[in-house]
C-alpha atoms as a PDB file:
ATOM      1  CA  MET A   1     -14.683  -7.451 -30.342  1.00  0.00           C
ATOM      2  CA  ALA A   2     -17.539  -8.465 -28.047  1.00  0.00           C
ATOM      3  CA  ILE A   3     -17.877  -6.930 -24.596  1.00  0.00           C
ATOM      4  CA  ARG A   4     -17.221  -9.543 -21.908  1.00  0.00           C
ATOM      5  CA  GLN A   5     -17.496  -9.834 -18.128  1.00  0.00           C
ATOM      6  CA  THR A   6     -14.118  -9.718 -16.340  1.00  0.00           C
ATOM      7  CA  GLU A   7     -13.050 -11.447 -13.133  1.00  0.00           C
ATOM      8  CA  TRP A   8     -13.950  -8.276 -11.197  1.00  0.00           C
ATOM      9  CA  TYR A   9     -17.611  -7.980 -10.284  1.00  0.00           C
ATOM     10  CA  GLY A  10     -19.393  -5.291 -12.332  1.00  0.00           C
ATOM     11  CA  VAL A  11     -16.406  -4.618 -14.604  1.00  0.00           C
ATOM     12  CA  TYR A  12     -16.396  -5.514 -18.288  1.00  0.00           C
ATOM     13  CA  ALA A  13     -13.830  -5.417 -21.077  1.00  0.00           C
ATOM     14  CA  ASP A  14     -13.833  -4.522 -24.740  1.00  0.00           C
ATOM     15  CA  GLY A  15     -10.402  -5.362 -26.069  1.00  0.00           C
ATOM     16  CA  SER A  16      -7.976  -3.403 -23.885  1.00  0.00           C
ATOM     17  CA  TRP A  17     -10.707  -1.104 -22.544  1.00  0.00           C
ATOM     18  CA  LEU A  18     -12.368  -1.570 -19.176  1.00  0.00           C
ATOM     19  CA  LEU A  19     -16.060  -0.694 -18.938  1.00  0.00           C
ATOM     20  CA  THR A  20     -18.870  -0.478 -16.416  1.00  0.00           C
ATOM     21  CA  ARG A  21     -22.579  -0.791 -17.094  1.00  0.00           C
ATOM     22  CA  ASN A  22     -24.058   2.716 -17.167  1.00  0.00           C
ATOM     23  CA  LEU A  23     -26.456   3.336 -14.281  1.00  0.00           C
ATOM     24  CA  ALA A  24     -27.520   6.703 -15.722  1.00  0.00           C
ATOM     25  CA  LEU A  25     -28.434   5.904 -19.303  1.00  0.00           C
ATOM     26  CA  GLY A  26     -27.276   8.388 -21.912  1.00  0.00           C
ATOM     27  CA  VAL A  27     -25.126  10.346 -19.459  1.00  0.00           C
ATOM     28  CA  SER A  28     -21.363  10.631 -19.960  1.00  0.00           C
ATOM     29  CA  VAL A  29     -19.616  11.877 -16.811  1.00  0.00           C
ATOM     30  CA  TYR A  30     -16.197  13.012 -18.078  1.00  0.00           C
ATOM     31  CA  GLY A  31     -16.450  12.683 -21.830  1.00  0.00           C
ATOM     32  CA  GLU A  32     -16.094   8.879 -21.909  1.00  0.00           C
ATOM     33  CA  SER A  33     -17.757   7.005 -24.744  1.00  0.00           C
ATOM     34  CA  LEU A  34     -20.884   4.922 -24.181  1.00  0.00           C
ATOM     35  CA  PRO A  35     -20.644   1.652 -26.134  1.00  0.00           C
ATOM     36  CA  LEU A  36     -23.913  -0.188 -26.697  1.00  0.00           C
ATOM     37  CA  GLU A  37     -24.169  -3.949 -27.081  1.00  0.00           C
ATOM     38  CA  ALA A  38     -27.221  -6.230 -26.942  1.00  0.00           C
ATOM     39  CA  GLY A  39     -29.308  -3.314 -25.719  1.00  0.00           C
ATOM     40  CA  ILE A  40     -26.990  -2.618 -22.768  1.00  0.00           C
ATOM     41  CA  GLU A  41     -25.168   0.705 -22.430  1.00  0.00           C
ATOM     42  CA  TYR A  42     -21.658   0.708 -20.977  1.00  0.00           C
ATOM     43  CA  ARG A  43     -19.133   3.428 -20.073  1.00  0.00           C
ATOM     44  CA  ARG A  44     -15.457   3.256 -20.940  1.00  0.00           C
ATOM     45  CA  TRP A  45     -13.328   3.473 -17.798  1.00  0.00           C
ATOM     46  CA  ASP A  46     -10.126   5.399 -18.480  1.00  0.00           C
ATOM     47  CA  ALA A  47      -7.118   4.202 -16.446  1.00  0.00           C
ATOM     48  CA  ASN A  48      -5.413   7.531 -17.124  1.00  0.00           C
ATOM     49  CA  ARG A  49      -8.266   9.288 -15.309  1.00  0.00           C
ATOM     50  CA  SER A  50      -8.996   6.791 -12.528  1.00  0.00           C
ATOM     51  CA  LYS A  51      -6.457   5.218 -10.164  1.00  0.00           C
ATOM     52  CA  LEU A  52      -8.763   2.304  -9.422  1.00  0.00           C
ATOM     53  CA  ALA A  53      -8.959   1.469 -13.115  1.00  0.00           C
ATOM     54  CA  ALA A  54      -5.167   1.841 -13.266  1.00  0.00           C
ATOM     55  CA  TYR A  55      -4.895  -0.650 -10.387  1.00  0.00           C
ATOM     56  CA  LEU A  56      -6.847  -3.214 -12.394  1.00  0.00           C
ATOM     57  CA  ARG A  57      -4.921  -2.530 -15.594  1.00  0.00           C
ATOM     58  CA  CYS A  58      -1.655  -2.990 -13.671  1.00  0.00           C
ATOM     59  CA  GLY A  59      -2.675  -6.464 -12.541  1.00  0.00           C
ATOM     60  CA  GLY A  60      -4.513  -5.761  -9.292  1.00  0.00           C
ATOM     61  CA  ARG A  61      -6.738  -8.630  -8.183  1.00  0.00           C
ATOM     62  CA  ILE A  62      -8.209  -7.538  -4.839  1.00  0.00           C
ATOM     63  CA  TRP A  63     -11.767  -6.453  -5.605  1.00  0.00           C
ATOM     64  CA  ALA A  64     -14.141  -5.800  -2.707  1.00  0.00           C
ATOM     65  CA  PHE A  65     -16.981  -4.163  -4.648  1.00  0.00           C
ATOM     66  CA  ARG A  66     -20.342  -5.916  -5.008  1.00  0.00           C
ATOM     67  CA  GLU A  67     -23.994  -5.119  -5.772  1.00  0.00           C
ATOM     68  CA  THR A  68     -24.833  -3.687  -2.328  1.00  0.00           C
ATOM     69  CA  VAL A  69     -21.436  -2.657  -0.926  1.00  0.00           C
ATOM     70  CA  SER A  70     -21.112   0.415   1.311  1.00  0.00           C
ATOM     71  CA  VAL A  71     -18.115   2.643   0.569  1.00  0.00           C
ATOM     72  CA  LEU A  72     -16.511   5.591   2.350  1.00  0.00           C
ATOM     73  CA  TYR A  73     -14.663   7.440  -0.415  1.00  0.00           C
ATOM     74  CA  LEU A  74     -12.156  10.099   0.659  1.00  0.00           C
ATOM     75  CA  GLY A  75     -11.081  12.681  -1.907  1.00  0.00           C
ATOM     76  CA  ALA A  76     -13.930  12.142  -4.352  1.00  0.00           C
ATOM     77  CA  GLY A  77     -12.905  15.057  -6.581  1.00  0.00           C
ATOM     78  CA  ASN A  78     -15.213  15.575  -9.547  1.00  0.00           C
ATOM     79  CA  GLY A  79     -16.534  12.037  -9.264  1.00  0.00           C
ATOM     80  CA  THR A  80     -14.755  10.158 -12.056  1.00  0.00           C
ATOM     81  CA  THR A  81     -14.011   6.982 -10.092  1.00  0.00           C
ATOM     82  CA  VAL A  82     -17.051   7.484  -7.853  1.00  0.00           C
ATOM     83  CA  SER A  83     -19.292   7.315 -10.922  1.00  0.00           C
ATOM     84  CA  HIS A  84     -17.853   3.964 -12.004  1.00  0.00           C
ATOM     85  CA  LEU A  85     -18.240   2.528  -8.507  1.00  0.00           C
ATOM     86  CA  SER A  86     -21.831   3.757  -8.678  1.00  0.00           C
ATOM     87  CA  ASP A  87     -22.235   1.628 -11.820  1.00  0.00           C
ATOM     88  CA  VAL A  88     -20.614  -1.406 -10.190  1.00  0.00           C
ATOM     89  CA  SER A  89     -22.673  -1.252  -6.973  1.00  0.00           C
ATOM     90  CA  PRO A  90     -26.138   0.046  -7.961  1.00  0.00           C
ATOM     91  CA  GLY A  91     -27.701  -1.230  -4.737  1.00  0.00           C
ATOM     92  CA  GLY A  92     -24.945   0.107  -2.506  1.00  0.00           C
ATOM     93  CA  THR A  93     -24.067   3.454  -0.951  1.00  0.00           C
ATOM     94  CA  ILE A  94     -21.011   5.560  -1.741  1.00  0.00           C
ATOM     95  CA  SER A  95     -20.398   8.310   0.810  1.00  0.00           C
ATOM     96  CA  ALA A  96     -18.221  10.691  -1.214  1.00  0.00           C
ATOM     97  CA  ILE A  97     -16.121  13.072   0.905  1.00  0.00           C
ATOM     98  CA  GLU A  98     -14.708  16.154  -0.818  1.00  0.00           C
ATOM     99  CA  ILE A  99     -13.278  19.360   0.650  1.00  0.00           C
ATOM    100  CA  SER A 100     -13.235  21.504  -2.513  1.00  0.00           C
ATOM    101  CA  SER A 101     -16.491  23.404  -2.975  1.00  0.00           C
ATOM    102  CA  ARG A 102     -15.905  23.534  -6.739  1.00  0.00           C
ATOM    103  CA  SER A 103     -15.495  19.775  -7.062  1.00  0.00           C
ATOM    104  CA  PHE A 104     -18.371  19.265  -4.652  1.00  0.00           C
ATOM    105  CA  ARG A 105     -20.744  21.007  -7.054  1.00  0.00           C
ATOM    106  CA  ASP A 106     -19.817  18.420  -9.681  1.00  0.00           C
ATOM    107  CA  LEU A 107     -20.512  15.650  -7.148  1.00  0.00           C
ATOM    108  CA  LEU A 108     -23.938  17.124  -6.440  1.00  0.00           C
ATOM    109  CA  ASN A 109     -24.712  17.146 -10.157  1.00  0.00           C
ATOM    110  CA  LEU A 110     -23.511  13.552 -10.434  1.00  0.00           C
ATOM    111  CA  ALA A 111     -25.720  12.453  -7.538  1.00  0.00           C
ATOM    112  CA  GLU A 112     -28.838  13.854  -9.257  1.00  0.00           C
ATOM    113  CA  ASN A 113     -28.786  10.861 -11.629  1.00  0.00           C
ATOM    114  CA  ARG A 114     -27.296   8.358  -9.175  1.00  0.00           C
ATOM    115  CA  ALA A 115     -29.192   7.743  -5.955  1.00  0.00           C
ATOM    116  CA  ASN A 116     -26.411   5.574  -4.485  1.00  0.00           C
ATOM    117  CA  ILE A 117     -23.968   8.509  -4.240  1.00  0.00           C
ATOM    118  CA  VAL A 118     -24.118  10.624  -1.065  1.00  0.00           C
ATOM    119  CA  PRO A 119     -21.904  13.741  -1.495  1.00  0.00           C
ATOM    120  CA  ILE A 120     -20.522  15.171   1.761  1.00  0.00           C
ATOM    121  CA  LEU A 121     -18.606  18.460   1.866  1.00  0.00           C
ATOM    122  CA  ALA A 122     -16.015  17.764   4.557  1.00  0.00           C
ATOM    123  CA  ASP A 123     -12.323  17.451   5.452  1.00  0.00           C
ATOM    124  CA  ALA A 124     -11.049  13.867   5.332  1.00  0.00           C
ATOM    125  CA  THR A 125      -8.641  14.663   8.185  1.00  0.00           C
ATOM    126  CA  LYS A 126     -11.646  15.164  10.474  1.00  0.00           C
ATOM    127  CA  PRO A 127     -13.735  11.975  10.236  1.00  0.00           C
ATOM    128  CA  GLU A 128     -15.484  12.893  13.475  1.00  0.00           C
ATOM    129  CA  SER A 129     -17.379  15.543  11.476  1.00  0.00           C
ATOM    130  CA  TYR A 130     -19.072  12.986   9.189  1.00  0.00           C
ATOM    131  CA  GLY A 131     -18.393   9.495  10.550  1.00  0.00           C
ATOM    132  CA  SER A 132     -21.620   9.155  12.507  1.00  0.00           C
ATOM    133  CA  ARG A 133     -23.570  10.078   9.382  1.00  0.00           C
ATOM    134  CA  VAL A 134     -21.742   7.523   7.270  1.00  0.00           C
ATOM    135  CA  GLY A 135     -21.683   4.669   9.770  1.00  0.00           C
ATOM    136  CA  VAL A 136     -19.744   1.432   9.402  1.00  0.00           C
ATOM    137  CA  VAL A 137     -18.733   0.605   5.811  1.00  0.00           C
ATOM    138  CA  ASP A 138     -17.522  -2.411   3.851  1.00  0.00           C
ATOM    139  CA  VAL A 139     -14.848  -0.533   1.898  1.00  0.00           C
ATOM    140  CA  LEU A 140     -12.651   2.480   2.652  1.00  0.00           C
ATOM    141  CA  TYR A 141     -11.167   4.171  -0.425  1.00  0.00           C
ATOM    142  CA  GLN A 142      -8.772   7.122  -0.215  1.00  0.00           C
ATOM    143  CA  ASP A 143      -7.336   9.342  -2.949  1.00  0.00           C
ATOM    144  CA  VAL A 144      -6.140  12.447  -1.109  1.00  0.00           C
ATOM    145  CA  ALA A 145      -3.241  14.588  -2.373  1.00  0.00           C
ATOM    146  CA  GLN A 146      -1.530  15.820   0.792  1.00  0.00           C
ATOM    147  CA  ARG A 147       0.973  14.783   3.445  1.00  0.00           C
ATOM    148  CA  ASP A 148       0.290  12.123   6.080  1.00  0.00           C
ATOM    149  CA  GLN A 149      -1.872  10.068   3.741  1.00  0.00           C
ATOM    150  CA  VAL A 150      -1.520   6.968   5.923  1.00  0.00           C
ATOM    151  CA  GLY A 151      -2.445   8.939   9.031  1.00  0.00           C
ATOM    152  CA  ILE A 152      -5.637  10.179   7.362  1.00  0.00           C
ATOM    153  CA  PHE A 153      -6.457   6.655   6.223  1.00  0.00           C
ATOM    154  CA  LEU A 154      -5.981   5.217   9.713  1.00  0.00           C
ATOM    155  CA  LYS A 155      -8.232   7.864  11.264  1.00  0.00           C
ATOM    156  CA  ASN A 156     -11.013   6.865   8.878  1.00  0.00           C
ATOM    157  CA  ALA A 157     -10.374   3.132   9.285  1.00  0.00           C
ATOM    158  CA  GLU A 158     -12.383   3.411  12.500  1.00  0.00           C
ATOM    159  CA  TRP A 159     -15.473   3.299  10.278  1.00  0.00           C
ATOM    160  CA  LEU A 160     -14.348   0.200   8.377  1.00  0.00           C
ATOM    161  CA  ARG A 161     -16.092  -2.967   9.523  1.00  0.00           C
ATOM    162  CA  PRO A 162     -14.079  -5.987  10.735  1.00  0.00           C
ATOM    163  CA  HIS A 163     -12.638  -7.820   7.699  1.00  0.00           C
ATOM    164  CA  GLY A 164     -13.479  -4.804   5.541  1.00  0.00           C
ATOM    165  CA  VAL A 165     -11.088  -3.832   2.739  1.00  0.00           C
ATOM    166  CA  GLY A 166      -9.289  -0.525   2.291  1.00  0.00           C
ATOM    167  CA  TYR A 167      -7.714   0.985  -0.831  1.00  0.00           C
ATOM    168  CA  LEU A 168      -5.107   3.698  -0.244  1.00  0.00           C
ATOM    169  CA  MET A 169      -3.900   5.457  -3.375  1.00  0.00           C
ATOM    170  CA  VAL A 170      -0.483   6.748  -2.301  1.00  0.00           C
ATOM    171  CA  LYS A 171       0.760   9.880  -4.068  1.00  0.00           C
ATOM    172  CA  SER A 172       4.489   9.828  -3.406  1.00  0.00           C
ATOM    173  CA  ARG A 173       5.150  13.428  -4.502  1.00  0.00           C
ATOM    174  CA  SER A 174       2.491  14.729  -2.124  1.00  0.00           C
ATOM    175  CA  GLU A 175       4.082  12.785   0.728  1.00  0.00           C
ATOM    176  CA  ASP A 176       7.759  13.608   0.058  1.00  0.00           C
ATOM    177  CA  VAL A 177       8.868  15.202  -3.188  1.00  0.00           C
ATOM    178  CA  THR A 178      12.534  14.274  -2.559  1.00  0.00           C
ATOM    179  CA  ALA A 179      12.070  10.577  -1.711  1.00  0.00           C
ATOM    180  CA  LYS A 180      12.080   7.705  -4.159  1.00  0.00           C
ATOM    181  CA  PRO A 181       8.473   6.662  -4.769  1.00  0.00           C
ATOM    182  CA  THR A 182       9.262   3.035  -3.864  1.00  0.00           C
ATOM    183  CA  HIS A 183      10.547   4.193  -0.460  1.00  0.00           C
ATOM    184  CA  VAL A 184       7.297   6.092   0.143  1.00  0.00           C
ATOM    185  CA  TYR A 185       5.246   3.009  -0.760  1.00  0.00           C
ATOM    186  CA  ASP A 186       7.333   0.782   1.507  1.00  0.00           C
ATOM    187  CA  ALA A 187       6.949   3.239   4.381  1.00  0.00           C
ATOM    188  CA  ALA A 188       3.181   3.303   3.893  1.00  0.00           C
ATOM    189  CA  LYS A 189       3.041  -0.485   3.905  1.00  0.00           C
ATOM    190  CA  GLN A 190       5.065  -0.640   7.103  1.00  0.00           C
ATOM    191  CA  GLU A 191       2.972   1.988   8.877  1.00  0.00           C
ATOM    192  CA  LEU A 192      -0.280   0.250   7.969  1.00  0.00           C
ATOM    193  CA  SER A 193       1.078  -3.108   9.133  1.00  0.00           C
ATOM    194  CA  VAL A 194       2.231  -1.667  12.455  1.00  0.00           C
ATOM    195  CA  ALA A 195      -1.276  -0.234  12.923  1.00  0.00           C
ATOM    196  CA  GLY A 196      -2.655  -3.778  12.739  1.00  0.00           C
ATOM    197  CA  LEU A 197      -3.985  -3.884   9.174  1.00  0.00           C
ATOM    198  CA  THR A 198      -3.156  -6.800   6.882  1.00  0.00           C
ATOM    199  CA  VAL A 199      -1.518  -5.602   3.667  1.00  0.00           C
ATOM    200  CA  LEU A 200      -2.966  -7.589   0.750  1.00  0.00           C
ATOM    201  CA  ASP A 201      -1.313  -5.836  -2.174  1.00  0.00           C
ATOM    202  CA  VAL A 202       1.082  -2.991  -3.024  1.00  0.00           C
ATOM    203  CA  ARG A 203       1.090  -2.088  -6.706  1.00  0.00           C
ATOM    204  CA  ALA A 204       2.676   0.794  -8.610  1.00  0.00           C
ATOM    205  CA  LEU A 205       0.254   2.379 -11.074  1.00  0.00           C
ATOM    206  CA  SER A 206       2.732   3.302 -13.807  1.00  0.00           C
ATOM    207  CA  PRO A 207       2.387   3.995 -16.708  1.00  0.00           C
ATOM    208  CA  TYR A 208      -1.187   5.170 -16.142  1.00  0.00           C
ATOM    209  CA  GLN A 209      -0.521   7.180 -12.969  1.00  0.00           C
ATOM    210  CA  ALA A 210       3.103   8.280 -12.462  1.00  0.00           C
ATOM    211  CA  ASP A 211       4.530   8.203  -8.922  1.00  0.00           C
ATOM    212  CA  HIS A 212       1.407   6.547  -7.503  1.00  0.00           C
ATOM    213  CA  ALA A 213       0.765   3.164  -5.930  1.00  0.00           C
ATOM    214  CA  ALA A 214      -2.281   1.332  -4.632  1.00  0.00           C
ATOM    215  CA  VAL A 215      -1.948  -0.196  -1.176  1.00  0.00           C
ATOM    216  CA  VAL A 216      -4.782  -2.609  -0.403  1.00  0.00           C
ATOM    217  CA  VAL A 217      -5.398  -3.708   3.180  1.00  0.00           C
ATOM    218  CA  GLN A 218      -7.870  -5.675   5.262  1.00  0.00           C
ATOM    219  CA  LYS A 219      -9.020  -4.872   8.780  1.00  0.00           C
ATOM    220  CA  PRO A 220      -8.778  -7.739  11.292  1.00  0.00           C
END
C-alpha cells in the first residue's frame, strides 16, 4: 500500500501505520522501522509508544504542529514523541524539558542529529528556572507522571502565546489511583476551564495507552 499524506500536517500513513518523514536519515530512534518510498525515508510512529500518536489513532483532530512551530515539551523522557515532532516541524524549535538525568542523556544524543531539539535538564514544576530561556511558544505539550498534572500545566501555560494550543496527557493513575479514570479526566477539564482555557477536545487513549486521556486546550 502506498504511503499517503494524512489530514495532519507532517504525518503520513501506510495502511494502519502512522509515519513521519525522517529528519535524520538512516537513524532509528527506538527501534522503529524506516520505510522508503520514492526516495523518501519515513519512520513508523508507534501509538503504543507515543501518546500523541495514540491521540491521532483514537480520532483526535486538533493538530497545532507546522513547519516552524515552537514547542515547550514537558516530560520529554527518552525522546520518542519528541523525535517525531522534530520530523514534523523541521524548521521549528522543541524545548524538551526532562528531570531524569538518565533520560536526559538520551535526549542529548537525539539532539546531535536534530538541530531543532533543545534538551533542558529541569523540573517541570519550576518553569521559572527555564521559562526565560524558552520564551513564548506556539504549543505546550505535557506528559508528566505525577500528581497535580493540571497545576503543572497551568504554571507553564504562562509561556504559551495567546491563541496557542496545549496538549495535556493526563495519567489518571498518577493523579489518583483509586478514582475512575473518567472522573480524573472530567476534573482536569473542569480545572482547565475555570483557569480560563478553552477545552477543544478530551479523548481517552485506550487501547493504546490504558488509563490515559489527551486534553487539548487553547489559550484566549
